[in-house]
C-alpha atoms as a PDB file:
ATOM      1  CA  MET A   1      27.812 103.382 101.451  1.00  0.00           C
ATOM      2  CA  VAL A   2      29.190 106.905 101.737  1.00  0.00           C
ATOM      3  CA  THR A   3      29.621 106.631 105.539  1.00  0.00           C
ATOM      4  CA  LYS A   4      31.764 103.505 105.170  1.00  0.00           C
ATOM      5  CA  ALA A   5      34.107 105.333 102.811  1.00  0.00           C
ATOM      6  CA  VAL A   6      34.355 108.284 105.204  1.00  0.00           C
ATOM      7  CA  ASN A   7      35.111 105.948 108.151  1.00  0.00           C
ATOM      8  CA  LYS A   8      37.842 104.225 106.135  1.00  0.00           C
ATOM      9  CA  ASN A   9      39.427 107.607 105.356  1.00  0.00           C
ATOM     10  CA  LYS A  10      39.325 108.635 109.025  1.00  0.00           C
ATOM     11  CA  LEU A  11      40.879 105.337 110.014  1.00  0.00           C
ATOM     12  CA  SER A  12      43.596 105.741 107.421  1.00  0.00           C
ATOM     13  CA  LEU A  13      44.365 109.286 108.595  1.00  0.00           C
ATOM     14  CA  SER A  14      44.528 108.038 112.172  1.00  0.00           C
ATOM     15  CA  LYS A  15      46.948 105.280 111.198  1.00  0.00           C
ATOM     16  CA  ILE A  16      49.121 107.716 109.266  1.00  0.00           C
ATOM     17  CA  PHE A  17      49.151 110.173 112.165  1.00  0.00           C
ATOM     18  CA  TRP A  18      50.238 107.526 114.699  1.00  0.00           C
ATOM     19  CA  ARG A  19      52.907 106.137 112.377  1.00  0.00           C
ATOM     20  CA  VAL A  20      54.376 109.596 111.741  1.00  0.00           C
ATOM     21  CA  PHE A  21      54.151 110.470 115.434  1.00  0.00           C
ATOM     22  CA  SER A  22      55.939 107.231 116.425  1.00  0.00           C
ATOM     23  CA  ILE A  23      58.709 107.730 113.875  1.00  0.00           C
ATOM     24  CA  CYS A  24      59.265 111.342 114.984  1.00  0.00           C
ATOM     25  CA  LEU A  25      59.321 110.345 118.651  1.00  0.00           C
ATOM     26  CA  PHE A  26      61.864 107.564 118.059  1.00  0.00           C
ATOM     27  CA  ALA A  27      64.013 109.860 115.870  1.00  0.00           C
ATOM     28  CA  ALA A  28      64.048 112.513 118.607  1.00  0.00           C
ATOM     29  CA  MET A  29      65.062 109.916 121.211  1.00  0.00           C
ATOM     30  CA  PHE A  30      67.905 108.633 119.033  1.00  0.00           C
ATOM     31  CA  TYR A  31      69.107 112.169 118.367  1.00  0.00           C
ATOM     32  CA  LEU A  32      69.173 112.993 122.072  1.00  0.00           C
ATOM     33  CA  LEU A  33      70.864 109.737 122.962  1.00  0.00           C
ATOM     34  CA  ILE A  34      73.594 110.052 120.345  1.00  0.00           C
ATOM     35  CA  ASN A  35      74.282 113.790 120.497  1.00  0.00           C
ATOM     36  CA  GLU A  36      73.595 114.517 124.140  1.00  0.00           C
ATOM     37  CA  SER A  37      74.741 111.323 125.884  1.00  0.00           C
ATOM     38  CA  SER A  38      77.639 113.006 127.715  1.00  0.00           C
ATOM     39  CA  ARG A  39      75.294 115.720 129.016  1.00  0.00           C
ATOM     40  CA  MET A  40      72.741 113.120 130.145  1.00  0.00           C
ATOM     41  CA  LYS A  41      75.477 111.175 131.941  1.00  0.00           C
ATOM     42  CA  ALA A  42      76.723 114.355 133.647  1.00  0.00           C
ATOM     43  CA  LEU A  43      73.165 115.260 134.671  1.00  0.00           C
ATOM     44  CA  LEU A  44      72.598 111.819 136.168  1.00  0.00           C
ATOM     45  CA  GLU A  45      75.893 111.850 138.045  1.00  0.00           C
ATOM     46  CA  ASN A  46      75.616 115.428 139.329  1.00  0.00           C
ATOM     47  CA  GLY A  47      71.861 115.981 139.329  1.00  0.00           C
ATOM     48  CA  GLY A  48      71.444 115.802 143.080  1.00  0.00           C
ATOM     49  CA  VAL A  49      67.760 115.861 143.993  1.00  0.00           C
ATOM     50  CA  TRP A  50      66.775 115.896 140.313  1.00  0.00           C
ATOM     51  CA  THR A  51      68.530 112.614 139.497  1.00  0.00           C
ATOM     52  CA  PRO A  52      65.605 110.347 140.462  1.00  0.00           C
ATOM     53  CA  ILE A  53      63.148 112.432 138.437  1.00  0.00           C
ATOM     54  CA  LEU A  54      65.495 112.643 135.452  1.00  0.00           C
ATOM     55  CA  GLY A  55      66.295 108.924 135.662  1.00  0.00           C
ATOM     56  CA  ILE A  56      62.613 107.979 135.753  1.00  0.00           C
ATOM     57  CA  LEU A  57      61.855 110.344 132.870  1.00  0.00           C
ATOM     58  CA  LEU A  58      64.695 108.969 130.722  1.00  0.00           C
ATOM     59  CA  LEU A  59      63.715 105.368 131.445  1.00  0.00           C
ATOM     60  CA  ALA A  60      60.052 106.074 130.675  1.00  0.00           C
ATOM     61  CA  LEU A  61      60.816 107.847 127.397  1.00  0.00           C
ATOM     62  CA  LEU A  62      63.590 105.568 126.149  1.00  0.00           C
ATOM     63  CA  GLY A  63      62.041 102.309 127.385  1.00  0.00           C
ATOM     64  CA  PRO A  64      59.605 101.937 124.481  1.00  0.00           C
ATOM     65  CA  THR A  65      62.379 102.550 121.942  1.00  0.00           C
ATOM     66  CA  PRO A  66      64.970  99.978 120.844  1.00  0.00           C
ATOM     67  CA  VAL A  67      67.556 101.924 122.883  1.00  0.00           C
ATOM     68  CA  ALA A  68      68.945  99.968 125.844  1.00  0.00           C
ATOM     69  CA  THR A  69      68.079 101.636 129.148  1.00  0.00           C
ATOM     70  CA  GLU A  70      70.173  99.362 131.345  1.00  0.00           C
ATOM     71  CA  PRO A  71      73.145 101.792 131.347  1.00  0.00           C
ATOM     72  CA  ILE A  72      70.946 104.441 132.987  1.00  0.00           C
ATOM     73  CA  ILE A  73      70.043 102.089 135.838  1.00  0.00           C
ATOM     74  CA  ILE A  74      73.672 101.005 136.236  1.00  0.00           C
ATOM     75  CA  LEU A  75      74.888 104.620 136.235  1.00  0.00           C
ATOM     76  CA  ILE A  76      72.405 105.552 138.978  1.00  0.00           C
ATOM     77  CA  SER A  77      73.331 102.409 140.895  1.00  0.00           C
ATOM     78  CA  VAL A  78      77.049 103.161 140.741  1.00  0.00           C
ATOM     79  CA  SER A  79      76.633 106.894 141.411  1.00  0.00           C
ATOM     80  CA  TYR A  80      74.228 106.575 144.356  1.00  0.00           C
ATOM     81  CA  SER A  81      73.504 103.011 145.483  1.00  0.00           C
ATOM     82  CA  PRO A  82      72.142  99.761 144.059  1.00  0.00           C
ATOM     83  CA  PHE A  83      68.985 100.218 146.112  1.00  0.00           C
ATOM     84  CA  TRP A  84      68.229 103.613 144.533  1.00  0.00           C
ATOM     85  CA  GLY A  85      69.151 102.254 141.118  1.00  0.00           C
ATOM     86  CA  MET A  86      66.602  99.488 141.658  1.00  0.00           C
ATOM     87  CA  VAL A  87      63.858 101.861 142.893  1.00  0.00           C
ATOM     88  CA  ILE A  88      64.346 104.388 140.088  1.00  0.00           C
ATOM     89  CA  GLY A  89      64.672 101.581 137.536  1.00  0.00           C
ATOM     90  CA  ALA A  90      61.465  99.881 138.715  1.00  0.00           C
ATOM     91  CA  ILE A  91      59.435 103.094 138.569  1.00  0.00           C
ATOM     92  CA  GLY A  92      60.903 104.196 135.225  1.00  0.00           C
ATOM     93  CA  ASN A  93      60.462 100.748 133.670  1.00  0.00           C
ATOM     94  CA  THR A  94      56.848 100.581 134.855  1.00  0.00           C
ATOM     95  CA  PHE A  95      56.126 103.953 133.235  1.00  0.00           C
ATOM     96  CA  ALA A  96      57.826 102.712 130.041  1.00  0.00           C
ATOM     97  CA  MET A  97      55.622  99.612 130.050  1.00  0.00           C
ATOM     98  CA  PHE A  98      52.536 101.825 130.293  1.00  0.00           C
ATOM     99  CA  ILE A  99      53.697 103.921 127.353  1.00  0.00           C
ATOM    100  CA  GLU A 100      54.206 100.724 125.331  1.00  0.00           C
ATOM    101  CA  TYR A 101      50.753  99.533 126.394  1.00  0.00           C
ATOM    102  CA  ALA A 102      49.149 102.855 125.409  1.00  0.00           C
ATOM    103  CA  VAL A 103      50.870 102.883 122.014  1.00  0.00           C
ATOM    104  CA  ALA A 104      49.737  99.320 121.269  1.00  0.00           C
ATOM    105  CA  TYR A 105      46.251 100.104 122.546  1.00  0.00           C
ATOM    106  CA  LYS A 106      45.985 102.936 120.020  1.00  0.00           C
ATOM    107  CA  LEU A 107      47.812 101.132 117.201  1.00  0.00           C
ATOM    108  CA  ALA A 108      46.215  97.688 117.620  1.00  0.00           C
ATOM    109  CA  GLU A 109      44.759  97.890 114.125  1.00  0.00           C
ATOM    110  CA  ILE A 110      48.157  98.302 112.454  1.00  0.00           C
ATOM    111  CA  PHE A 111      50.288  96.309 114.900  1.00  0.00           C
ATOM    112  CA  ASP A 112      50.363  92.633 113.928  1.00  0.00           C
ATOM    113  CA  TYR A 113      50.509  91.381 117.507  1.00  0.00           C
ATOM    114  CA  LYS A 114      49.280  87.896 116.590  1.00  0.00           C
ATOM    115  CA  LYS A 115      52.386  87.446 114.445  1.00  0.00           C
ATOM    116  CA  GLU A 116      54.573  88.623 117.345  1.00  0.00           C
ATOM    117  CA  LYS A 117      52.818  86.263 119.737  1.00  0.00           C
ATOM    118  CA  LYS A 118      53.627  83.344 117.417  1.00  0.00           C
ATOM    119  CA  ARG A 119      57.335  84.168 117.817  1.00  0.00           C
ATOM    120  CA  LEU A 120      57.151  83.560 121.572  1.00  0.00           C
ATOM    121  CA  PRO A 121      58.017  80.135 123.024  1.00  0.00           C
ATOM    122  CA  LYS A 122      55.265  77.550 122.510  1.00  0.00           C
ATOM    123  CA  PHE A 123      54.164  77.452 126.154  1.00  0.00           C
ATOM    124  CA  LEU A 124      53.558  81.237 126.143  1.00  0.00           C
ATOM    125  CA  GLN A 125      51.605  81.147 122.894  1.00  0.00           C
ATOM    126  CA  LYS A 126      48.963  78.999 124.589  1.00  0.00           C
ATOM    127  CA  ILE A 127      48.504  81.403 127.515  1.00  0.00           C
ATOM    128  CA  PRO A 128      46.051  84.295 127.022  1.00  0.00           C
ATOM    129  CA  ALA A 129      47.496  87.817 127.272  1.00  0.00           C
ATOM    130  CA  ASN A 130      45.351  88.648 130.315  1.00  0.00           C
ATOM    131  CA  ASN A 131      46.990  85.895 132.384  1.00  0.00           C
ATOM    132  CA  ILE A 132      49.527  86.750 135.104  1.00  0.00           C
ATOM    133  CA  TYR A 133      51.912  84.046 133.876  1.00  0.00           C
ATOM    134  CA  PHE A 134      51.951  85.550 130.391  1.00  0.00           C
ATOM    135  CA  LEU A 135      52.472  89.071 131.749  1.00  0.00           C
ATOM    136  CA  ILE A 136      55.242  88.176 134.217  1.00  0.00           C
ATOM    137  CA  ILE A 137      57.065  85.171 132.742  1.00  0.00           C
ATOM    138  CA  GLY A 138      56.759  86.529 129.202  1.00  0.00           C
ATOM    139  CA  ARG A 139      58.814  89.580 130.156  1.00  0.00           C
ATOM    140  CA  MET A 140      61.668  87.313 131.222  1.00  0.00           C
ATOM    141  CA  VAL A 141      62.055  85.668 127.812  1.00  0.00           C
ATOM    142  CA  PRO A 142      65.376  86.748 126.291  1.00  0.00           C
ATOM    143  CA  GLY A 143      65.036  88.498 122.970  1.00  0.00           C
ATOM    144  CA  TYR A 144      61.380  89.475 123.467  1.00  0.00           C
ATOM    145  CA  GLY A 145      60.877  90.569 127.002  1.00  0.00           C
ATOM    146  CA  SER A 146      58.941  93.505 128.221  1.00  0.00           C
ATOM    147  CA  LYS A 147      58.409  95.422 124.993  1.00  0.00           C
ATOM    148  CA  ILE A 148      56.675  92.647 123.049  1.00  0.00           C
ATOM    149  CA  ILE A 149      54.588  91.520 126.043  1.00  0.00           C
ATOM    150  CA  SER A 150      53.495  95.119 126.699  1.00  0.00           C
ATOM    151  CA  LEU A 151      52.581  95.626 123.049  1.00  0.00           C
ATOM    152  CA  ILE A 152      50.574  92.401 122.942  1.00  0.00           C
ATOM    153  CA  ALA A 153      48.822  93.307 126.223  1.00  0.00           C
ATOM    154  CA  GLY A 154      47.933  96.757 124.900  1.00  0.00           C
ATOM    155  CA  ALA A 155      46.710  95.421 121.575  1.00  0.00           C
ATOM    156  CA  GLU A 156      44.540  92.822 123.341  1.00  0.00           C
ATOM    157  CA  LYS A 157      43.370  95.464 125.840  1.00  0.00           C
ATOM    158  CA  VAL A 158      44.352  93.623 129.012  1.00  0.00           C
ATOM    159  CA  ASP A 159      42.745  94.964 132.219  1.00  0.00           C
ATOM    160  CA  LEU A 160      44.818  97.908 133.526  1.00  0.00           C
ATOM    161  CA  LYS A 161      44.795  96.777 137.180  1.00  0.00           C
ATOM    162  CA  LEU A 162      46.222  93.392 136.248  1.00  0.00           C
ATOM    163  CA  TYR A 163      48.661  95.009 133.851  1.00  0.00           C
ATOM    164  CA  PHE A 164      49.841  97.523 136.487  1.00  0.00           C
ATOM    165  CA  TRP A 165      50.768  95.128 139.258  1.00  0.00           C
ATOM    166  CA  THR A 166      52.360  92.561 136.927  1.00  0.00           C
ATOM    167  CA  SER A 167      54.348  95.371 135.260  1.00  0.00           C
ATOM    168  CA  PHE A 168      55.533  96.641 138.616  1.00  0.00           C
ATOM    169  CA  ILE A 169      56.627  93.172 139.771  1.00  0.00           C
ATOM    170  CA  SER A 170      58.502  92.632 136.511  1.00  0.00           C
ATOM    171  CA  GLY A 171      59.985  96.124 136.743  1.00  0.00           C
ATOM    172  CA  ILE A 172      61.268  95.538 140.275  1.00  0.00           C
ATOM    173  CA  PHE A 173      62.796  92.183 139.365  1.00  0.00           C
ATOM    174  CA  GLY A 174      64.508  93.525 136.223  1.00  0.00           C
ATOM    175  CA  ALA A 175      65.758  96.656 137.966  1.00  0.00           C
ATOM    176  CA  PHE A 176      67.059  94.575 140.891  1.00  0.00           C
ATOM    177  CA  VAL A 177      69.105  92.323 138.606  1.00  0.00           C
ATOM    178  CA  ILE A 178      70.492  95.214 136.538  1.00  0.00           C
ATOM    179  CA  SER A 179      71.176  97.525 139.484  1.00  0.00           C
ATOM    180  CA  TYR A 180      72.879  95.063 141.790  1.00  0.00           C
ATOM    181  CA  GLY A 181      74.570  93.227 138.915  1.00  0.00           C
ATOM    182  CA  GLY A 182      75.940  96.471 137.467  1.00  0.00           C
ATOM    183  CA  PHE A 183      77.068  97.674 140.885  1.00  0.00           C
ATOM    184  CA  GLY A 184      78.833  94.371 141.547  1.00  0.00           C
ATOM    185  CA  LEU A 185      80.513  94.423 138.141  1.00  0.00           C
ATOM    186  CA  ASP A 186      81.696  97.989 138.719  1.00  0.00           C
ATOM    187  CA  PHE A 187      83.061  96.960 142.131  1.00  0.00           C
ATOM    188  CA  LEU A 188      84.952  94.014 140.585  1.00  0.00           C
ATOM    189  CA  LEU A 189      86.390  96.195 137.826  1.00  0.00           C
ATOM    190  CA  LYS A 190      87.611  98.726 140.413  1.00  0.00           C
ATOM    191  CA  LEU A 191      89.271  95.889 142.389  1.00  0.00           C
ATOM    192  CA  ASN A 192      91.162  94.677 139.335  1.00  0.00           C
ATOM    193  CA  SER A 193      92.424  98.119 138.295  1.00  0.00           C
END
């Protein structure tokens, strides 16, 4: 009886730690994004050899947050080329998906992933999380996308090999659309000005 009470206390402390850690991490990301956005933009535009590393790092760290990372991919695409925007975006997005997976893996007990899964379209609700269709097509659903699918996959402890290659395919596709779309939009805006 005493061991059950001790285990409950350890579990509660673990939950509290991860909640506080997550809140602090998100607060730090928001602070950097709001107060240092002009510096980040200047670093990405003038970073030279460091731009790919910085771009990947920013995408990986900001990806799990509610902050939109598409402007980073577009900025790299416009500053260097759509191809490099796509490559950096795919790698950074894949790292972000792994961070989301790891967070959900650790926080599965407090993350109500079954409730989130019920918010997906009906056809996706019927597909198990360890299915390639769920992992790839689910990330293309507007309004849910990569974050929710990654969290559900982490909470349900989907095989890492399957998760890796489906994440990379999704990351390449998303980065391709954003990079080339952003580059094309920038080109059109320059034509009209």
